[in-house]
Amino acid sequence: MKARLLALVCFCLVVVAGRANAQTGDLGYDSSGSSAATVTVAAPAPPEVRRMGWFGIGARVGVTQLRLTAPTSVVNGIEQLTGGTAGADEFALRSNVTTVTPTLHLGGTGFFFKLDLPISFGSSFTMVGLGLYPLNFGIWFDRLAMFPYLSLGAVANVVTSHKTPDPGTSNKLIGGIGQARLAAGVKFFPLHGLALSGEFGYSPWTAGAVALPPESGSGSDATRFEGGFGSVLDFSFGIEWL
């Protein structure tokens, strides 16, 4: 009896051991539970992107072409008062001046704000202006590192004379010019935060008048009045940090 019981117990142990071995074989080897070290490779750092900042300051240098002509009615009135026979060309303001324009840029791609402070140097006068551009739109092209844009605004200028022998106009405020200005420009970023800029401006609605001092070497000490309505063209290059 004891021999049969002992044989039954041994048979049960063999069956249990066989089933456990079979289950282990079905599951296979799980390497996730091993103590082997795992090596993690860090992703390479992304290359530096030449992006444009939100705030920028800079300056451009270029040429401004003034073309103002007095209306015929105004010229006729002056002739009647003075008894002269001056033509409209004698009152026209035609001058090419060198302009230095500090500029302020606020905003990124899409709509932004721009402010200019153009300072123009003519042969007999200096013109200082304030340009406000509430309507500006540009698009940033990442692959080209370029930012082309369009601007619409207004510019108000005051004109002062150079030092002359005429005390009535020497170093005095002698006039003003107002402009509604359209501009197209582009900023190119060769380095991060540094842009080379170029801008072309056209003012189809311009009006102004100046009392210019006598021209040197003309033999006359009379003040010249020039101005009227017309247009202004300008083109400039510069550098900006933004």
Protein backbone atom coordinates (compact mmCIF):
# COMPACT_ATOMS: atom_id res chain seq x y z
CA MET A 1 0.00 0.00 0.00
CA LYS A 2 2.77 2.39 0.91
CA ALA A 3 4.59 1.47 -2.27
CA ARG A 4 1.54 2.31 -4.38
CA LEU A 5 1.05 5.67 -2.61
CA LEU A 6 4.70 6.55 -3.12
CA ALA A 7 4.49 5.68 -6.80
CA LEU A 8 1.36 7.86 -7.20
CA VAL A 9 3.08 10.85 -5.60
CA CYS A 10 6.12 10.45 -7.87
CA PHE A 11 3.87 10.22 -10.91
CA CYS A 12 2.09 13.47 -9.95
CA LEU A 13 5.40 15.28 -9.45
CA VAL A 14 6.59 14.17 -12.87
CA VAL A 15 3.36 15.39 -14.53
CA VAL A 16 3.53 18.79 -12.81
CA ALA A 17 7.20 19.23 -13.75
CA GLY A 18 6.44 18.30 -17.34
CA ARG A 19 3.62 20.87 -17.65
CA ALA A 20 5.79 23.63 -16.12
CA ASN A 21 8.57 22.89 -18.57
CA ALA A 22 6.16 22.97 -21.50
CA GLN A 23 4.73 26.36 -20.46
CA THR A 24 8.24 27.81 -20.14
CA GLY A 25 9.08 26.63 -23.63
CA ASP A 26 5.93 28.19 -25.10
CA LEU A 27 6.63 31.57 -23.53
CA GLY A 28 10.24 31.69 -24.77
CA TYR A 29 13.00 33.94 -23.52
CA ASP A 30 12.06 37.51 -22.59
CA SER A 31 15.04 39.72 -23.00
CA SER A 32 13.24 42.75 -21.56
CA GLY A 33 13.69 41.43 -18.06
CA SER A 34 17.44 40.94 -18.43
CA SER A 35 19.90 43.13 -16.67
CA ALA A 36 21.74 44.02 -19.87
CA ALA A 37 22.49 47.78 -20.20
CA THR A 38 20.50 49.79 -22.79
CA VAL A 39 22.39 52.35 -24.92
CA THR A 40 20.37 55.45 -25.94
CA VAL A 41 21.63 57.49 -28.90
CA ALA A 42 20.78 61.23 -28.61
CA ALA A 43 19.17 62.84 -31.64
CA PRO A 44 21.41 65.36 -33.43
CA ALA A 45 20.71 69.01 -32.65
CA PRO A 46 18.66 70.76 -35.34
CA PRO A 47 20.60 73.23 -37.48
CA GLU A 48 20.33 76.91 -36.55
CA VAL A 49 17.53 78.66 -38.39
CA ARG A 50 18.11 82.21 -39.63
CA ARG A 51 14.85 83.63 -38.35
CA MET A 52 13.75 87.24 -38.12
CA GLY A 53 13.15 88.87 -34.76
CA TRP A 54 10.03 90.72 -33.71
CA PHE A 55 11.81 94.02 -32.90
CA GLY A 56 14.31 95.64 -35.23
CA ILE A 57 16.21 98.87 -35.81
CA GLY A 58 18.39 99.94 -38.69
CA ALA A 59 19.19 102.60 -41.26
CA ARG A 60 19.07 103.00 -45.04
CA VAL A 61 20.91 105.38 -47.36
CA GLY A 62 19.60 106.38 -50.77
CA VAL A 63 18.41 109.05 -53.17
CA THR A 64 15.08 110.93 -53.12
CA GLN A 65 13.74 112.68 -56.22
CA LEU A 66 11.35 115.59 -55.61
CA ARG A 67 9.06 116.72 -58.45
CA LEU A 68 6.51 119.40 -57.45
CA THR A 69 4.78 121.81 -59.83
CA ALA A 70 2.71 124.84 -58.87
CA PRO A 71 -0.88 124.93 -60.19
CA THR A 72 -1.49 127.34 -63.07
CA SER A 73 -4.06 129.28 -61.03
CA VAL A 74 -1.50 129.96 -58.30
CA VAL A 75 1.13 131.07 -60.83
CA ASN A 76 -1.35 133.44 -62.50
CA GLY A 77 -2.26 134.93 -59.13
CA ILE A 78 1.38 135.57 -58.28
CA GLU A 79 1.95 137.22 -61.67
CA GLN A 80 -1.01 139.54 -61.12
CA LEU A 81 0.25 140.56 -57.68
CA THR A 82 3.87 141.09 -58.69
CA GLY A 83 3.33 142.22 -62.27
CA GLY A 84 5.86 139.67 -63.43
CA THR A 85 5.77 137.17 -66.25
CA ALA A 86 7.17 134.15 -64.45
CA GLY A 87 6.17 130.77 -65.83
CA ALA A 88 5.13 127.68 -63.92
CA ASP A 89 8.60 126.16 -64.32
CA GLU A 90 10.13 128.92 -62.18
CA PHE A 91 8.01 127.80 -59.21
CA ALA A 92 8.56 124.07 -59.73
CA LEU A 93 10.55 122.23 -57.08
CA ARG A 94 12.82 119.71 -58.77
CA SER A 95 15.62 118.35 -56.68
CA ASN A 96 17.54 115.12 -56.09
CA VAL A 97 18.66 114.79 -52.48
CA THR A 98 20.61 112.23 -50.48
CA THR A 99 18.50 110.64 -47.77
CA VAL A 100 19.52 108.80 -44.59
CA THR A 101 16.59 106.94 -43.00
CA PRO A 102 16.73 105.42 -39.51
CA THR A 103 13.93 102.85 -39.30
CA LEU A 104 12.01 100.89 -36.65
CA HIS A 105 10.33 97.49 -37.29
CA LEU A 106 7.76 95.91 -34.95
CA GLY A 107 6.27 92.52 -35.82
CA GLY A 108 7.07 89.34 -37.71
CA THR A 109 5.61 87.61 -40.71
CA GLY A 110 2.19 88.88 -41.76
CA PHE A 111 1.11 92.34 -40.67
CA PHE A 112 3.61 94.57 -38.87
CA PHE A 113 4.28 98.22 -37.95
CA LYS A 114 7.03 100.42 -39.36
CA LEU A 115 8.33 103.90 -38.50
CA ASP A 116 10.90 105.91 -40.49
CA LEU A 117 12.82 109.11 -39.77
CA PRO A 118 14.08 110.27 -43.20
CA ILE A 119 16.71 113.04 -43.23
CA SER A 120 17.43 114.52 -46.69
CA PHE A 121 20.34 116.77 -47.63
CA GLY A 122 19.89 119.08 -50.62
CA SER A 123 22.12 121.76 -52.11
CA SER A 124 20.34 124.60 -50.29
CA PHE A 125 18.11 122.92 -47.70
CA THR A 126 17.77 120.04 -45.26
CA MET A 127 14.54 118.07 -44.94
CA VAL A 128 13.65 116.08 -41.81
CA GLY A 129 10.60 113.83 -41.82
CA LEU A 130 8.51 111.40 -39.82
CA GLY A 131 7.03 108.41 -41.65
CA LEU A 132 4.28 106.31 -40.05
CA TYR A 133 3.25 103.06 -41.76
CA PRO A 134 0.29 101.37 -40.06
CA LEU A 135 -0.35 99.07 -43.05
CA ASN A 136 2.51 96.68 -43.75
CA PHE A 137 2.50 93.07 -44.88
CA GLY A 138 5.42 90.71 -45.39
CA ILE A 139 6.10 86.98 -45.74
CA TRP A 140 9.12 85.17 -44.29
CA PHE A 141 10.72 82.61 -46.64
CA ASP A 142 12.75 80.31 -44.43
CA ARG A 143 14.71 78.53 -47.18
CA LEU A 144 15.74 81.82 -48.80
CA ALA A 145 16.19 83.71 -45.49
CA MET A 146 14.32 86.60 -47.10
CA PHE A 147 11.41 88.82 -46.02
CA PRO A 148 9.74 90.75 -48.89
CA TYR A 149 7.10 93.27 -47.84
CA LEU A 150 4.75 96.07 -48.91
CA SER A 151 4.05 99.26 -46.94
CA LEU A 152 1.48 102.05 -47.04
CA GLY A 153 1.74 105.17 -44.90
CA ALA A 154 2.27 108.91 -44.71
CA VAL A 155 5.36 111.09 -44.33
CA ALA A 156 5.47 114.66 -43.00
CA ASN A 157 8.63 116.71 -43.65
CA VAL A 158 9.88 120.07 -42.43
CA VAL A 159 12.39 121.96 -44.58
CA THR A 160 15.12 124.22 -43.19
CA SER A 161 17.59 126.30 -45.17
CA HIS A 162 21.36 126.16 -45.02
CA LYS A 163 23.36 129.12 -43.77
CA THR A 164 23.08 131.95 -46.33
CA PRO A 165 23.77 135.72 -46.52
CA ASP A 166 20.00 136.33 -46.40
CA PRO A 167 19.01 136.68 -42.69
CA GLY A 168 15.39 136.05 -43.62
CA THR A 169 16.05 132.47 -44.68
CA SER A 170 19.45 131.52 -43.19
CA ASN A 171 19.09 128.47 -40.94
CA LYS A 172 15.33 129.00 -40.78
CA LEU A 173 12.28 126.85 -41.20
CA ILE A 174 11.34 127.58 -44.81
CA GLY A 175 8.61 125.11 -45.68
CA GLY A 176 7.09 121.66 -45.47
CA ILE A 177 6.21 118.68 -47.64
CA GLY A 178 3.60 115.97 -47.05
CA GLN A 179 3.50 112.57 -48.76
CA ALA A 180 1.22 109.55 -49.03
CA ARG A 181 3.83 106.85 -49.67
CA LEU A 182 3.76 103.33 -51.09
CA ALA A 183 6.86 101.19 -50.60
CA ALA A 184 8.10 97.75 -51.60
CA GLY A 185 11.15 96.26 -49.97
CA VAL A 186 13.02 93.11 -49.02
CA LYS A 187 15.20 92.05 -46.09
CA PHE A 188 17.84 89.34 -46.61
CA PHE A 189 19.39 87.60 -43.59
CA PRO A 190 22.95 86.41 -44.27
CA LEU A 191 23.38 85.93 -40.49
CA HIS A 192 21.00 85.33 -37.61
CA GLY A 193 19.55 88.68 -36.51
CA LEU A 194 21.34 90.70 -39.21
CA ALA A 195 19.55 91.81 -42.39
CA LEU A 196 20.54 93.64 -45.54
CA SER A 197 17.57 95.67 -46.75
CA GLY A 198 16.50 97.50 -49.87
CA GLU A 199 13.39 99.61 -50.42
CA PHE A 200 11.74 101.43 -53.32
CA GLY A 201 9.21 104.15 -52.49
CA TYR A 202 6.70 106.10 -54.55
CA SER A 203 4.57 108.99 -53.31
CA PRO A 204 1.90 109.72 -55.95
CA TRP A 205 0.17 112.28 -53.73
CA THR A 206 2.69 114.88 -52.58
CA ALA A 207 2.20 118.56 -51.77
CA GLY A 208 4.50 121.20 -50.35
CA ALA A 209 5.98 124.66 -50.58
CA VAL A 210 9.35 126.14 -49.63
CA ALA A 211 10.89 129.61 -49.56
CA LEU A 212 14.39 128.87 -50.76
CA PRO A 213 17.31 131.23 -50.15
CA PRO A 214 19.02 132.89 -53.14
CA GLU A 215 21.26 130.65 -55.20
CA SER A 216 24.94 131.31 -54.66
CA GLY A 217 26.55 133.06 -57.62
CA SER A 218 23.22 134.14 -59.11
CA GLY A 219 23.77 137.81 -58.29
CA SER A 220 20.31 138.04 -56.70
CA ASP A 221 19.42 138.29 -53.03
CA ALA A 222 15.72 137.53 -53.53
CA THR A 223 14.07 134.56 -51.90
CA ARG A 224 12.69 131.94 -54.29
CA PHE A 225 9.31 130.31 -53.71
CA GLU A 226 8.97 126.79 -55.06
CA GLY A 227 6.51 123.95 -54.59
CA GLY A 228 3.09 122.73 -55.56
CA PHE A 229 1.73 119.24 -56.20
CA GLY A 230 3.46 116.25 -57.68
CA SER A 231 5.26 113.04 -56.76
CA VAL A 232 8.33 111.72 -54.99
CA LEU A 233 10.49 108.71 -55.89
CA ASP A 234 13.13 107.20 -53.64
CA PHE A 235 15.39 104.18 -53.51
CA SER A 236 17.64 103.10 -50.65
CA PHE A 237 19.80 100.29 -49.23
CA GLY A 238 20.61 99.61 -45.61
CA ILE A 239 21.27 97.25 -42.73
CA GLU A 240 19.03 96.19 -39.85
CA TRP A 241 19.29 94.23 -36.62
CA LEU A 242 16.17 92.21 -35.81
